[in-house]
Amino acid sequence: MTEERKAFEKQLYPLYNFYHKHKDAIQQKDANFKYQKKIQIFKGEDFIKFTTTYFEDIKNLLPEKKKDAISIAKYLNENRIIVKIDRLGDDPKKKWPRKVFDTKDQTFTNEGFYTWNLVVKSKMNNLIMAGILLLVFLAFLYPIWPFAFKYGVFKVTLYLLVFLVALQVIRLIVYIISRLLGHGFWILPNLNNDSYGILGSFKPLYSNYRYSDGKLEISLRLIGIFAFIFLIYIIVQEPSYITGFQEASEQTIDDILEWGKDKLEGKQEPSFRRAIPDLNELIKQAEEDLANHQKNNIQDGQDNQQTYDFNNDIQEEQKNHQDILLDNDLNDLQQNESQTDL
């Protein structure tokens, strides 16, 4: 941007601030400009109506004198202070475009859509930028944060995640109930639409439209209503389902908080450290294995010695038993011979 252009735009800052101060008088909608940023657009006819209403105030804020609102609009358009935009090819054909680009034909028309092409520096923007830089700097210092701050961020993140999941479930349940009644009621309908930006995702708060269902859709809705009533009846008869789910959810959150606390306190080693043991641990384990091996060998030797002694005792007993039997046999033989001689 040249210095001449900067000086020209600076002259129009009061004009922009005047329009911005009365922005509620001109209907504006959010749009996604070339998939890059969010802008606010307005209709040419609304711009003309507003300029006509406040013409006496606006004409004194221009570098050049203009005779009417049309002249002011064309002057701003020709100098690209306001830029004519048009919808992209993949944008749905609705009353207001959502995905836009700056068209080559910059002829001002009442039916066209426009956006401001003027960057006004303000102290608030500087403060916002300083706050963003400060947050980024603090994020880099996360490893040296006190434990209370780390644990606080962990809890806020966890509860925020639970809130977002619960919000999605509630939105879906409300839509299903409204669909059974022939409507399409969405809470925060643009919540999952990235093209509207962060703040635009929370606008509007709700949307509602009525379906033109045929016989098949009406039949399916009736079946769904009976199924929903039956589900409510089961829950009323068995409230333990709800209490059990609630207790399980609370226990899960408590377990995650306990895990996060141990993780932040360093009680849990990282997975890569557990996978690769320390050298000292390996040496200690090897010494323990060697000591256990030697102990087992000594025990095996004692067991073998006891087994050997036990076998010797058995053999000795068997030998003594055989000697006794042999002596008995000899005595019996001698007695028989003596009786024979008699």
C-alpha atoms as a PDB file:
ATOM      1  CA  MET A   1       0.000   0.000   0.000  1.00  0.00           C
ATOM      2  CA  THR A   2       1.410   3.373  -1.073  1.00  0.00           C
ATOM      3  CA  GLU A   3       1.690   6.360   1.235  1.00  0.00           C
ATOM      4  CA  GLU A   4      -0.842   8.220  -0.886  1.00  0.00           C
ATOM      5  CA  ARG A   5      -3.347   5.418  -0.408  1.00  0.00           C
ATOM      6  CA  LYS A   6      -2.719   5.334   3.333  1.00  0.00           C
ATOM      7  CA  ALA A   7      -3.298   9.073   3.567  1.00  0.00           C
ATOM      8  CA  PHE A   8      -6.520   8.773   1.538  1.00  0.00           C
ATOM      9  CA  GLU A   9      -7.882   5.986   3.736  1.00  0.00           C
ATOM     10  CA  LYS A  10      -6.954   7.905   6.864  1.00  0.00           C
ATOM     11  CA  GLN A  11      -9.185  10.752   5.704  1.00  0.00           C
ATOM     12  CA  LEU A  12     -12.111   8.305   5.572  1.00  0.00           C
ATOM     13  CA  TYR A  13     -11.637   6.897   9.079  1.00  0.00           C
ATOM     14  CA  PRO A  14     -14.312   9.239  10.551  1.00  0.00           C
ATOM     15  CA  LEU A  15     -16.740   8.156   7.814  1.00  0.00           C
ATOM     16  CA  TYR A  16     -16.117   4.480   8.553  1.00  0.00           C
ATOM     17  CA  ASN A  17     -16.506   5.063  12.288  1.00  0.00           C
ATOM     18  CA  PHE A  18     -19.817   6.824  11.675  1.00  0.00           C
ATOM     19  CA  TYR A  19     -21.188   3.870   9.710  1.00  0.00           C
ATOM     20  CA  HIS A  20     -19.757   1.449  12.253  1.00  0.00           C
ATOM     21  CA  LYS A  21     -21.340   3.381  15.108  1.00  0.00           C
ATOM     22  CA  HIS A  22     -24.775   2.942  13.467  1.00  0.00           C
ATOM     23  CA  LYS A  23     -24.117  -0.563  12.189  1.00  0.00           C
ATOM     24  CA  ASP A  24     -27.395  -1.817  13.618  1.00  0.00           C
ATOM     25  CA  ALA A  25     -29.232   0.456  11.178  1.00  0.00           C
ATOM     26  CA  ILE A  26     -27.787  -1.509   8.233  1.00  0.00           C
ATOM     27  CA  GLN A  27     -28.542  -5.210   8.117  1.00  0.00           C
ATOM     28  CA  GLN A  28     -25.295  -7.183   7.904  1.00  0.00           C
ATOM     29  CA  LYS A  29     -24.447 -10.866   7.660  1.00  0.00           C
ATOM     30  CA  ASP A  30     -21.266 -12.857   8.161  1.00  0.00           C
ATOM     31  CA  ALA A  31     -19.626 -14.442   5.123  1.00  0.00           C
ATOM     32  CA  ASN A  32     -16.499 -16.411   4.360  1.00  0.00           C
ATOM     33  CA  PHE A  33     -14.200 -14.485   2.008  1.00  0.00           C
ATOM     34  CA  LYS A  34     -12.317 -16.876  -0.317  1.00  0.00           C
ATOM     35  CA  TYR A  35     -12.155 -19.479   2.482  1.00  0.00           C
ATOM     36  CA  GLN A  36      -9.580 -17.244   4.188  1.00  0.00           C
ATOM     37  CA  LYS A  37     -11.336 -14.923   6.607  1.00  0.00           C
ATOM     38  CA  LYS A  38     -14.724 -13.864   7.909  1.00  0.00           C
ATOM     39  CA  ILE A  39     -16.197 -10.589   6.705  1.00  0.00           C
ATOM     40  CA  GLN A  40     -19.466  -8.728   7.143  1.00  0.00           C
ATOM     41  CA  ILE A  41     -21.526  -7.944   4.054  1.00  0.00           C
ATOM     42  CA  PHE A  42     -24.471  -5.635   3.435  1.00  0.00           C
ATOM     43  CA  LYS A  43     -26.844  -4.885   0.601  1.00  0.00           C
ATOM     44  CA  GLY A  44     -26.458  -1.867  -1.660  1.00  0.00           C
ATOM     45  CA  GLU A  45     -30.045  -0.769  -1.140  1.00  0.00           C
ATOM     46  CA  ASP A  46     -29.645  -0.774   2.665  1.00  0.00           C
ATOM     47  CA  PHE A  47     -26.481   1.305   2.288  1.00  0.00           C
ATOM     48  CA  ILE A  48     -28.361   3.829   0.145  1.00  0.00           C
ATOM     49  CA  LYS A  49     -31.248   4.057   2.625  1.00  0.00           C
ATOM     50  CA  PHE A  50     -28.908   4.682   5.546  1.00  0.00           C
ATOM     51  CA  THR A  51     -26.837   7.229   3.638  1.00  0.00           C
ATOM     52  CA  THR A  52     -29.988   9.061   2.568  1.00  0.00           C
ATOM     53  CA  THR A  53     -31.241   9.187   6.166  1.00  0.00           C
ATOM     54  CA  TYR A  54     -27.962  10.608   7.533  1.00  0.00           C
ATOM     55  CA  PHE A  55     -26.871  12.464   4.376  1.00  0.00           C
ATOM     56  CA  GLU A  56     -26.255  15.800   6.117  1.00  0.00           C
ATOM     57  CA  ASP A  57     -23.855  14.168   8.593  1.00  0.00           C
ATOM     58  CA  ILE A  58     -22.122  11.925   6.070  1.00  0.00           C
ATOM     59  CA  LYS A  59     -21.431  14.492   3.334  1.00  0.00           C
ATOM     60  CA  ASN A  60     -19.213  16.486   5.683  1.00  0.00           C
ATOM     61  CA  LEU A  61     -17.027  13.424   6.354  1.00  0.00           C
ATOM     62  CA  LEU A  62     -15.979  13.022   2.708  1.00  0.00           C
ATOM     63  CA  PRO A  63     -12.904  14.602   1.092  1.00  0.00           C
ATOM     64  CA  GLU A  64     -15.142  15.645  -1.807  1.00  0.00           C
ATOM     65  CA  LYS A  65     -18.648  17.071  -1.799  1.00  0.00           C
ATOM     66  CA  LYS A  66     -21.386  14.798  -3.162  1.00  0.00           C
ATOM     67  CA  LYS A  67     -24.952  15.731  -4.014  1.00  0.00           C
ATOM     68  CA  ASP A  68     -26.795  12.576  -2.946  1.00  0.00           C
ATOM     69  CA  ALA A  69     -26.477   9.079  -1.466  1.00  0.00           C
ATOM     70  CA  ILE A  70     -25.978   7.388  -4.860  1.00  0.00           C
ATOM     71  CA  SER A  71     -23.006   9.643  -5.578  1.00  0.00           C
ATOM     72  CA  ILE A  72     -21.461   8.807  -2.209  1.00  0.00           C
ATOM     73  CA  ALA A  73     -21.919   5.063  -2.753  1.00  0.00           C
ATOM     74  CA  LYS A  74     -20.388   5.186  -6.242  1.00  0.00           C
ATOM     75  CA  TYR A  75     -17.511   7.312  -4.980  1.00  0.00           C
ATOM     76  CA  LEU A  76     -16.666   4.832  -2.211  1.00  0.00           C
ATOM     77  CA  ASN A  77     -17.066   1.897  -4.590  1.00  0.00           C
ATOM     78  CA  GLU A  78     -14.839   3.379  -7.297  1.00  0.00           C
ATOM     79  CA  ASN A  79     -12.103   4.033  -4.724  1.00  0.00           C
ATOM     80  CA  ARG A  80     -12.534   0.497  -3.319  1.00  0.00           C
ATOM     81  CA  ILE A  81     -13.486   1.706   0.129  1.00  0.00           C
ATOM     82  CA  ILE A  82     -16.496  -0.544  -0.208  1.00  0.00           C
ATOM     83  CA  VAL A  83     -16.024  -3.559  -2.490  1.00  0.00           C
ATOM     84  CA  LYS A  84     -18.695  -5.420  -4.407  1.00  0.00           C
ATOM     85  CA  ILE A  85     -18.657  -9.158  -3.741  1.00  0.00           C
ATOM     86  CA  ASP A  86     -20.422 -12.154  -5.235  1.00  0.00           C
ATOM     87  CA  ARG A  87     -21.085 -15.727  -4.144  1.00  0.00           C
ATOM     88  CA  LEU A  88     -18.706 -18.570  -5.011  1.00  0.00           C
ATOM     89  CA  GLY A  89     -19.829 -21.389  -7.255  1.00  0.00           C
ATOM     90  CA  ASP A  90     -20.291 -23.914  -4.443  1.00  0.00           C
ATOM     91  CA  ASP A  91     -22.270 -21.507  -2.251  1.00  0.00           C
ATOM     92  CA  PRO A  92     -25.906 -22.549  -1.662  1.00  0.00           C
ATOM     93  CA  LYS A  93     -28.447 -20.426  -3.496  1.00  0.00           C
ATOM     94  CA  LYS A  94     -29.866 -18.589  -0.492  1.00  0.00           C
ATOM     95  CA  LYS A  95     -30.965 -15.012   0.061  1.00  0.00           C
ATOM     96  CA  TRP A  96     -27.612 -14.014   1.539  1.00  0.00           C
ATOM     97  CA  PRO A  97     -24.349 -15.460   0.191  1.00  0.00           C
ATOM     98  CA  ARG A  98     -22.132 -17.318   2.642  1.00  0.00           C
ATOM     99  CA  LYS A  99     -18.997 -17.960   0.559  1.00  0.00           C
ATOM    100  CA  VAL A 100     -17.912 -14.929  -1.412  1.00  0.00           C
ATOM    101  CA  PHE A 101     -15.152 -13.303  -3.471  1.00  0.00           C
ATOM    102  CA  ASP A 102     -14.538  -9.804  -4.854  1.00  0.00           C
ATOM    103  CA  THR A 103     -16.009  -9.665  -8.332  1.00  0.00           C
ATOM    104  CA  LYS A 104     -14.317  -7.873 -11.252  1.00  0.00           C
ATOM    105  CA  ASP A 105     -17.450  -5.880 -12.067  1.00  0.00           C
ATOM    106  CA  GLN A 106     -17.401  -3.148  -9.430  1.00  0.00           C
ATOM    107  CA  THR A 107     -20.404  -1.229 -10.761  1.00  0.00           C
ATOM    108  CA  PHE A 108     -22.550  -0.147  -7.843  1.00  0.00           C
ATOM    109  CA  THR A 109     -26.079  -1.547  -7.864  1.00  0.00           C
ATOM    110  CA  ASN A 110     -28.820  -1.641  -5.262  1.00  0.00           C
ATOM    111  CA  GLU A 111     -29.116  -5.425  -5.628  1.00  0.00           C
ATOM    112  CA  GLY A 112     -25.416  -6.093  -5.063  1.00  0.00           C
ATOM    113  CA  PHE A 113     -23.638  -7.115  -1.866  1.00  0.00           C
ATOM    114  CA  TYR A 114     -20.720  -5.123  -0.469  1.00  0.00           C
ATOM    115  CA  THR A 115     -18.139  -5.129   2.285  1.00  0.00           C
ATOM    116  CA  TRP A 116     -15.806  -2.543   3.754  1.00  0.00           C
ATOM    117  CA  ASN A 117     -12.235  -2.592   2.437  1.00  0.00           C
ATOM    118  CA  LEU A 118     -10.812  -0.262   5.029  1.00  0.00           C
ATOM    119  CA  VAL A 119      -8.514  -1.315   7.843  1.00  0.00           C
ATOM    120  CA  VAL A 120      -8.904   1.069  10.747  1.00  0.00           C
ATOM    121  CA  LYS A 121      -6.253   0.848  13.410  1.00  0.00           C
ATOM    122  CA  SER A 122      -7.572   1.052  16.929  1.00  0.00           C
ATOM    123  CA  LYS A 123      -6.221   0.671  20.424  1.00  0.00           C
ATOM    124  CA  MET A 124      -8.541  -2.278  20.979  1.00  0.00           C
ATOM    125  CA  ASN A 125      -6.982  -4.190  18.075  1.00  0.00           C
ATOM    126  CA  ASN A 126      -3.528  -3.508  19.492  1.00  0.00           C
ATOM    127  CA  LEU A 127      -4.618  -4.751  22.907  1.00  0.00           C
ATOM    128  CA  ILE A 128      -6.100  -7.908  21.370  1.00  0.00           C
ATOM    129  CA  MET A 129      -2.885  -8.579  19.439  1.00  0.00           C
ATOM    130  CA  ALA A 130      -0.791  -8.016  22.586  1.00  0.00           C
ATOM    131  CA  GLY A 131      -3.046 -10.426  24.498  1.00  0.00           C
ATOM    132  CA  ILE A 132      -2.640 -13.093  21.817  1.00  0.00           C
ATOM    133  CA  LEU A 133       1.151 -12.753  21.881  1.00  0.00           C
ATOM    134  CA  LEU A 134       1.133 -12.948  25.680  1.00  0.00           C
ATOM    135  CA  LEU A 135      -0.934 -16.150  25.599  1.00  0.00           C
ATOM    136  CA  VAL A 136       1.436 -17.690  23.042  1.00  0.00           C
ATOM    137  CA  PHE A 137       4.434 -16.744  25.225  1.00  0.00           C
ATOM    138  CA  LEU A 138       2.786 -18.271  28.309  1.00  0.00           C
ATOM    139  CA  ALA A 139       2.015 -21.438  26.352  1.00  0.00           C
ATOM    140  CA  PHE A 140       5.718 -21.878  25.563  1.00  0.00           C
ATOM    141  CA  LEU A 141       6.478 -21.570  29.287  1.00  0.00           C
ATOM    142  CA  TYR A 142       4.080 -24.407  30.134  1.00  0.00           C
ATOM    143  CA  PRO A 143       6.857 -26.849  31.239  1.00  0.00           C
ATOM    144  CA  ILE A 144       7.868 -24.519  34.103  1.00  0.00           C
ATOM    145  CA  TRP A 145       4.354 -23.636  35.212  1.00  0.00           C
ATOM    146  CA  PRO A 146       3.469 -24.382  38.851  1.00  0.00           C
ATOM    147  CA  PHE A 147       1.616 -27.647  39.352  1.00  0.00           C
ATOM    148  CA  ALA A 148      -1.599 -25.851  40.374  1.00  0.00           C
ATOM    149  CA  PHE A 149      -1.709 -23.953  37.052  1.00  0.00           C
ATOM    150  CA  LYS A 150      -1.011 -27.091  34.999  1.00  0.00           C
ATOM    151  CA  TYR A 151      -3.647 -29.081  36.814  1.00  0.00           C
ATOM    152  CA  GLY A 152      -6.104 -26.205  36.487  1.00  0.00           C
ATOM    153  CA  VAL A 153      -5.623 -26.043  32.717  1.00  0.00           C
ATOM    154  CA  PHE A 154      -6.036 -29.821  32.522  1.00  0.00           C
ATOM    155  CA  LYS A 155      -9.326 -29.698  34.464  1.00  0.00           C
ATOM    156  CA  VAL A 156     -10.698 -26.790  32.414  1.00  0.00           C
ATOM    157  CA  THR A 157      -9.813 -28.600  29.183  1.00  0.00           C
ATOM    158  CA  LEU A 158     -11.451 -31.816  30.363  1.00  0.00           C
ATOM    159  CA  TYR A 159     -14.655 -30.101  31.512  1.00  0.00           C
ATOM    160  CA  LEU A 160     -14.776 -28.109  28.270  1.00  0.00           C
ATOM    161  CA  LEU A 161     -14.522 -31.341  26.285  1.00  0.00           C
ATOM    162  CA  VAL A 162     -17.309 -32.906  28.352  1.00  0.00           C
ATOM    163  CA  PHE A 163     -19.444 -29.800  27.811  1.00  0.00           C
ATOM    164  CA  LEU A 164     -18.944 -29.873  24.028  1.00  0.00           C
ATOM    165  CA  VAL A 165     -19.771 -33.588  23.805  1.00  0.00           C
ATOM    166  CA  ALA A 166     -22.871 -33.110  25.976  1.00  0.00           C
ATOM    167  CA  LEU A 167     -23.931 -30.125  23.852  1.00  0.00           C
ATOM    168  CA  GLN A 168     -23.676 -32.182  20.666  1.00  0.00           C
ATOM    169  CA  VAL A 169     -25.749 -34.984  22.222  1.00  0.00           C
ATOM    170  CA  ILE A 170     -28.409 -32.542  23.467  1.00  0.00           C
ATOM    171  CA  ARG A 171     -28.579 -30.860  20.052  1.00  0.00           C
ATOM    172  CA  LEU A 172     -29.088 -34.216  18.366  1.00  0.00           C
ATOM    173  CA  ILE A 173     -31.770 -35.354  20.840  1.00  0.00           C
ATOM    174  CA  VAL A 174     -33.696 -32.069  20.484  1.00  0.00           C
ATOM    175  CA  TYR A 175     -33.516 -32.302  16.690  1.00  0.00           C
ATOM    176  CA  ILE A 176     -34.765 -35.916  16.681  1.00  0.00           C
ATOM    177  CA  ILE A 177     -37.718 -34.990  18.914  1.00  0.00           C
ATOM    178  CA  SER A 178     -38.580 -32.001  16.722  1.00  0.00           C
ATOM    179  CA  ARG A 179     -38.198 -34.144  13.585  1.00  0.00           C
ATOM    180  CA  LEU A 180     -40.747 -36.604  14.955  1.00  0.00           C
ATOM    181  CA  LEU A 181     -43.138 -33.640  15.238  1.00  0.00           C
ATOM    182  CA  GLY A 182     -42.487 -32.530  11.656  1.00  0.00           C
ATOM    183  CA  HIS A 183     -40.028 -29.714  12.374  1.00  0.00           C
ATOM    184  CA  GLY A 184     -36.287 -29.242  12.126  1.00  0.00           C
ATOM    185  CA  PHE A 185     -35.224 -27.463  15.315  1.00  0.00           C
ATOM    186  CA  TRP A 186     -31.491 -27.009  15.805  1.00  0.00           C
ATOM    187  CA  ILE A 187     -29.739 -25.428  18.766  1.00  0.00           C
ATOM    188  CA  LEU A 188     -26.779 -23.394  17.424  1.00  0.00           C
ATOM    189  CA  PRO A 189     -27.260 -24.592  13.820  1.00  0.00           C
ATOM    190  CA  ASN A 190     -23.853 -23.279  12.674  1.00  0.00           C
ATOM    191  CA  LEU A 191     -21.872 -24.821  15.525  1.00  0.00           C
ATOM    192  CA  ASN A 192     -20.120 -27.348  13.265  1.00  0.00           C
ATOM    193  CA  ASN A 193     -19.767 -25.025  10.264  1.00  0.00           C
ATOM    194  CA  ASP A 194     -16.151 -23.815   9.993  1.00  0.00           C
ATOM    195  CA  SER A 195     -16.957 -21.253   7.290  1.00  0.00           C
ATOM    196  CA  TYR A 196     -18.567 -18.836   9.802  1.00  0.00           C
ATOM    197  CA  GLY A 197     -15.582 -18.362  12.103  1.00  0.00           C
ATOM    198  CA  ILE A 198     -15.482 -18.785  15.869  1.00  0.00           C
ATOM    199  CA  LEU A 199     -18.088 -16.189  16.843  1.00  0.00           C
ATOM    200  CA  GLY A 200     -20.223 -16.858  13.788  1.00  0.00           C
ATOM    201  CA  SER A 201     -20.576 -20.503  14.806  1.00  0.00           C
ATOM    202  CA  PHE A 202     -22.679 -19.387  17.795  1.00  0.00           C
ATOM    203  CA  LYS A 203     -25.127 -17.351  15.684  1.00  0.00           C
ATOM    204  CA  PRO A 204     -28.062 -17.703  15.553  1.00  0.00           C
ATOM    205  CA  LEU A 205     -28.943 -19.394  18.836  1.00  0.00           C
ATOM    206  CA  TYR A 206     -31.495 -21.641  17.150  1.00  0.00           C
ATOM    207  CA  SER A 207     -33.221 -22.327  13.843  1.00  0.00           C
ATOM    208  CA  ASN A 208     -36.579 -23.906  13.112  1.00  0.00           C
ATOM    209  CA  TYR A 209     -38.247 -24.944   9.865  1.00  0.00           C
ATOM    210  CA  ARG A 210     -41.135 -27.207   8.969  1.00  0.00           C
ATOM    211  CA  TYR A 211     -40.821 -30.271   6.733  1.00  0.00           C
ATOM    212  CA  SER A 212     -43.312 -31.111   4.002  1.00  0.00           C
ATOM    213  CA  ASP A 213     -43.478 -34.848   4.633  1.00  0.00           C
ATOM    214  CA  GLY A 214     -45.248 -37.422   2.515  1.00  0.00           C
ATOM    215  CA  LYS A 215     -47.155 -40.505   3.666  1.00  0.00           C
ATOM    216  CA  LEU A 216     -43.973 -42.566   4.119  1.00  0.00           C
ATOM    217  CA  GLU A 217     -42.270 -39.913   6.261  1.00  0.00           C
ATOM    218  CA  ILE A 218     -45.424 -39.457   8.364  1.00  0.00           C
ATOM    219  CA  SER A 219     -45.625 -43.236   8.939  1.00  0.00           C
ATOM    220  CA  LEU A 220     -41.983 -43.344  10.019  1.00  0.00           C
ATOM    221  CA  ARG A 221     -42.577 -40.400  12.341  1.00  0.00           C
ATOM    222  CA  LEU A 222     -45.495 -42.206  14.013  1.00  0.00           C
ATOM    223  CA  ILE A 223     -43.354 -45.316  14.520  1.00  0.00           C
ATOM    224  CA  GLY A 224     -40.618 -43.126  15.973  1.00  0.00           C
ATOM    225  CA  ILE A 225     -43.061 -41.418  18.359  1.00  0.00           C
ATOM    226  CA  PHE A 226     -44.297 -44.787  19.686  1.00  0.00           C
ATOM    227  CA  ALA A 227     -40.710 -45.982  20.092  1.00  0.00           C
ATOM    228  CA  PHE A 228     -39.796 -42.787  21.934  1.00  0.00           C
ATOM    229  CA  ILE A 229     -42.774 -43.111  24.290  1.00  0.00           C
ATOM    230  CA  PHE A 230     -41.840 -46.747  24.978  1.00  0.00           C
ATOM    231  CA  LEU A 231     -38.267 -45.672  25.749  1.00  0.00           C
ATOM    232  CA  ILE A 232     -39.516 -43.052  28.219  1.00  0.00           C
ATOM    233  CA  TYR A 233     -41.732 -45.691  29.849  1.00  0.00           C
ATOM    234  CA  ILE A 234     -38.762 -48.057  30.326  1.00  0.00           C
ATOM    235  CA  ILE A 235     -36.652 -45.277  31.852  1.00  0.00           C
ATOM    236  CA  VAL A 236     -39.457 -44.344  34.263  1.00  0.00           C
ATOM    237  CA  GLN A 237     -39.914 -47.979  35.301  1.00  0.00           C
ATOM    238  CA  GLU A 238     -36.169 -48.578  35.672  1.00  0.00           C
ATOM    239  CA  PRO A 239     -34.538 -45.336  36.870  1.00  0.00           C
ATOM    240  CA  SER A 240     -31.425 -47.341  37.679  1.00  0.00           C
ATOM    241  CA  TYR A 241     -30.429 -46.976  34.005  1.00  0.00           C
ATOM    242  CA  ILE A 242     -30.048 -43.224  34.443  1.00  0.00           C
ATOM    243  CA  THR A 243     -28.367 -43.433  37.843  1.00  0.00           C
ATOM    244  CA  GLY A 244     -26.013 -46.129  36.599  1.00  0.00           C
ATOM    245  CA  PHE A 245     -25.025 -44.035  33.591  1.00  0.00           C
ATOM    246  CA  GLN A 246     -24.521 -41.000  35.823  1.00  0.00           C
ATOM    247  CA  GLU A 247     -22.333 -42.916  38.276  1.00  0.00           C
ATOM    248  CA  ALA A 248     -20.289 -44.425  35.451  1.00  0.00           C
ATOM    249  CA  SER A 249     -19.754 -40.967  33.917  1.00  0.00           C
ATOM    250  CA  GLU A 250     -18.668 -39.469  37.231  1.00  0.00           C
ATOM    251  CA  GLN A 251     -16.307 -42.377  37.893  1.00  0.00           C
ATOM    252  CA  THR A 252     -14.776 -42.002  34.425  1.00  0.00           C
ATOM    253  CA  ILE A 253     -14.151 -38.288  34.956  1.00  0.00           C
ATOM    254  CA  ASP A 254     -12.617 -38.957  38.378  1.00  0.00           C
ATOM    255  CA  ASP A 255     -10.320 -41.603  36.884  1.00  0.00           C
ATOM    256  CA  ILE A 256      -9.187 -39.230  34.143  1.00  0.00           C
ATOM    257  CA  LEU A 257      -8.514 -36.471  36.680  1.00  0.00           C
ATOM    258  CA  GLU A 258      -6.510 -38.880  38.842  1.00  0.00           C
ATOM    259  CA  TRP A 259      -4.551 -40.047  35.811  1.00  0.00           C
ATOM    260  CA  GLY A 260      -3.824 -36.449  34.797  1.00  0.00           C
ATOM    261  CA  LYS A 261      -2.717 -35.549  38.311  1.00  0.00           C
ATOM    262  CA  ASP A 262      -0.292 -38.494  38.445  1.00  0.00           C
ATOM    263  CA  LYS A 263       0.965 -37.635  34.982  1.00  0.00           C
ATOM    264  CA  LEU A 264       1.648 -34.006  35.864  1.00  0.00           C
ATOM    265  CA  GLU A 265       3.311 -34.967  39.155  1.00  0.00           C
ATOM    266  CA  GLY A 266       5.660 -37.317  37.317  1.00  0.00           C
ATOM    267  CA  LYS A 267       4.424 -40.475  39.014  1.00  0.00           C
ATOM    268  CA  GLN A 268       3.927 -42.134  35.659  1.00  0.00           C
ATOM    269  CA  GLU A 269       6.957 -42.607  33.451  1.00  0.00           C
ATOM    270  CA  PRO A 270       6.590 -41.813  29.761  1.00  0.00           C
ATOM    271  CA  SER A 271       5.868 -44.801  27.551  1.00  0.00           C
ATOM    272  CA  PHE A 272       9.215 -44.541  25.721  1.00  0.00           C
ATOM    273  CA  ARG A 273      11.078 -44.808  29.042  1.00  0.00           C
ATOM    274  CA  ARG A 274       9.073 -47.846  30.051  1.00  0.00           C
ATOM    275  CA  ALA A 275       9.773 -49.473  26.687  1.00  0.00           C
ATOM    276  CA  ILE A 276      13.586 -48.970  26.934  1.00  0.00           C
ATOM    277  CA  PRO A 277      14.836 -49.943  30.447  1.00  0.00           C
ATOM    278  CA  ASP A 278      17.806 -48.224  32.038  1.00  0.00           C
ATOM    279  CA  LEU A 279      21.269 -49.892  31.916  1.00  0.00           C
ATOM    280  CA  ASN A 280      21.487 -50.024  35.698  1.00  0.00           C
ATOM    281  CA  GLU A 281      18.123 -51.769  35.810  1.00  0.00           C
ATOM    282  CA  LEU A 282      19.370 -54.352  33.299  1.00  0.00           C
ATOM    283  CA  ILE A 283      22.535 -55.003  35.368  1.00  0.00           C
ATOM    284  CA  LYS A 284      20.493 -55.322  38.565  1.00  0.00           C
ATOM    285  CA  GLN A 285      18.077 -57.706  36.880  1.00  0.00           C
ATOM    286  CA  ALA A 286      20.968 -59.798  35.553  1.00  0.00           C
ATOM    287  CA  GLU A 287      22.527 -60.043  39.048  1.00  0.00           C
ATOM    288  CA  GLU A 288      19.185 -61.109  40.519  1.00  0.00           C
ATOM    289  CA  ASP A 289      18.752 -63.763  37.819  1.00  0.00           C
ATOM    290  CA  LEU A 290      22.282 -65.067  38.475  1.00  0.00           C
ATOM    291  CA  ALA A 291      21.684 -65.238  42.254  1.00  0.00           C
ATOM    292  CA  ASN A 292      18.383 -67.065  41.719  1.00  0.00           C
ATOM    293  CA  HIS A 293      20.096 -69.480  39.332  1.00  0.00           C
ATOM    294  CA  GLN A 294      22.850 -70.272  41.829  1.00  0.00           C
ATOM    295  CA  LYS A 295      20.319 -70.709  44.618  1.00  0.00           C
ATOM    296  CA  ASN A 296      18.344 -73.098  42.460  1.00  0.00           C
ATOM    297  CA  ASN A 297      21.509 -75.100  41.653  1.00  0.00           C
ATOM    298  CA  ILE A 298      22.375 -75.425  45.354  1.00  0.00           C
ATOM    299  CA  GLN A 299      18.852 -76.511  46.144  1.00  0.00           C
ATOM    300  CA  ASP A 300      18.941 -79.024  43.302  1.00  0.00           C
ATOM    301  CA  GLY A 301      22.266 -80.404  44.638  1.00  0.00           C
ATOM    302  CA  GLN A 302      20.795 -80.814  48.114  1.00  0.00           C
ATOM    303  CA  ASP A 303      17.754 -82.520  46.705  1.00  0.00           C
ATOM    304  CA  ASN A 304      19.937 -84.890  44.680  1.00  0.00           C
ATOM    305  CA  GLN A 305      22.073 -85.725  47.765  1.00  0.00           C
ATOM    306  CA  GLN A 306      18.943 -86.426  49.789  1.00  0.00           C
ATOM    307  CA  THR A 307      17.629 -88.627  47.013  1.00  0.00           C
ATOM    308  CA  TYR A 308      20.958 -90.519  46.854  1.00  0.00           C
ATOM    309  CA  ASP A 309      21.001 -91.093  50.631  1.00  0.00           C
ATOM    310  CA  PHE A 310      17.380 -92.214  50.544  1.00  0.00           C
ATOM    311  CA  ASN A 311      18.151 -94.733  47.788  1.00  0.00           C
ATOM    312  CA  ASN A 312      21.118 -96.090  49.756  1.00  0.00           C
ATOM    313  CA  ASP A 313      18.920 -96.548  52.809  1.00  0.00           C
ATOM    314  CA  ILE A 314      16.384 -98.439  50.736  1.00  0.00           C
ATOM    315  CA  GLN A 315      19.080-100.689  49.278  1.00  0.00           C
ATOM    316  CA  GLU A 316      20.478-101.339  52.754  1.00  0.00           C
ATOM    317  CA  GLU A 317      17.034-102.241  54.039  1.00  0.00           C
ATOM    318  CA  GLN A 318      16.480-104.567  51.131  1.00  0.00           C
ATOM    319  CA  LYS A 319      19.852-106.260  51.732  1.00  0.00           C
ATOM    320  CA  ASN A 320      19.095-106.713  55.440  1.00  0.00           C
ATOM    321  CA  HIS A 321      15.678-108.081  54.584  1.00  0.00           C
ATOM    322  CA  GLN A 322      17.219-110.563  52.165  1.00  0.00           C
ATOM    323  CA  ASP A 323      19.768-111.678  54.786  1.00  0.00           C
ATOM    324  CA  ILE A 324      16.980-112.247  57.293  1.00  0.00           C
ATOM    325  CA  LEU A 325      15.023-114.286  54.788  1.00  0.00           C
ATOM    326  CA  LEU A 326      18.113-116.318  53.953  1.00  0.00           C
ATOM    327  CA  ASP A 327      18.805-117.032  57.620  1.00  0.00           C
ATOM    328  CA  ASN A 328      15.214-118.128  58.104  1.00  0.00           C
ATOM    329  CA  ASP A 329      15.439-120.454  55.130  1.00  0.00           C
ATOM    330  CA  LEU A 330      18.637-122.049  56.495  1.00  0.00           C
ATOM    331  CA  ASN A 331      17.083-122.574  59.896  1.00  0.00           C
ATOM    332  CA  ASP A 332      14.040-124.169  58.335  1.00  0.00           C
ATOM    333  CA  LEU A 333      16.248-126.442  56.263  1.00  0.00           C
ATOM    334  CA  GLN A 334      18.278-127.550  59.277  1.00  0.00           C
ATOM    335  CA  GLN A 335      15.129-128.322  61.240  1.00  0.00           C
ATOM    336  CA  ASN A 336      13.801-130.412  58.400  1.00  0.00           C
ATOM    337  CA  GLU A 337      17.044-132.407  58.160  1.00  0.00           C
ATOM    338  CA  SER A 338      17.036-133.036  61.912  1.00  0.00           C
ATOM    339  CA  GLN A 339      13.470-134.379  61.761  1.00  0.00           C
ATOM    340  CA  THR A 340      14.430-136.605  58.862  1.00  0.00           C
ATOM    341  CA  ASP A 341      17.329-138.170  60.806  1.00  0.00           C
ATOM    342  CA  LEU A 342      15.039-138.968  63.710  1.00  0.00           C
END
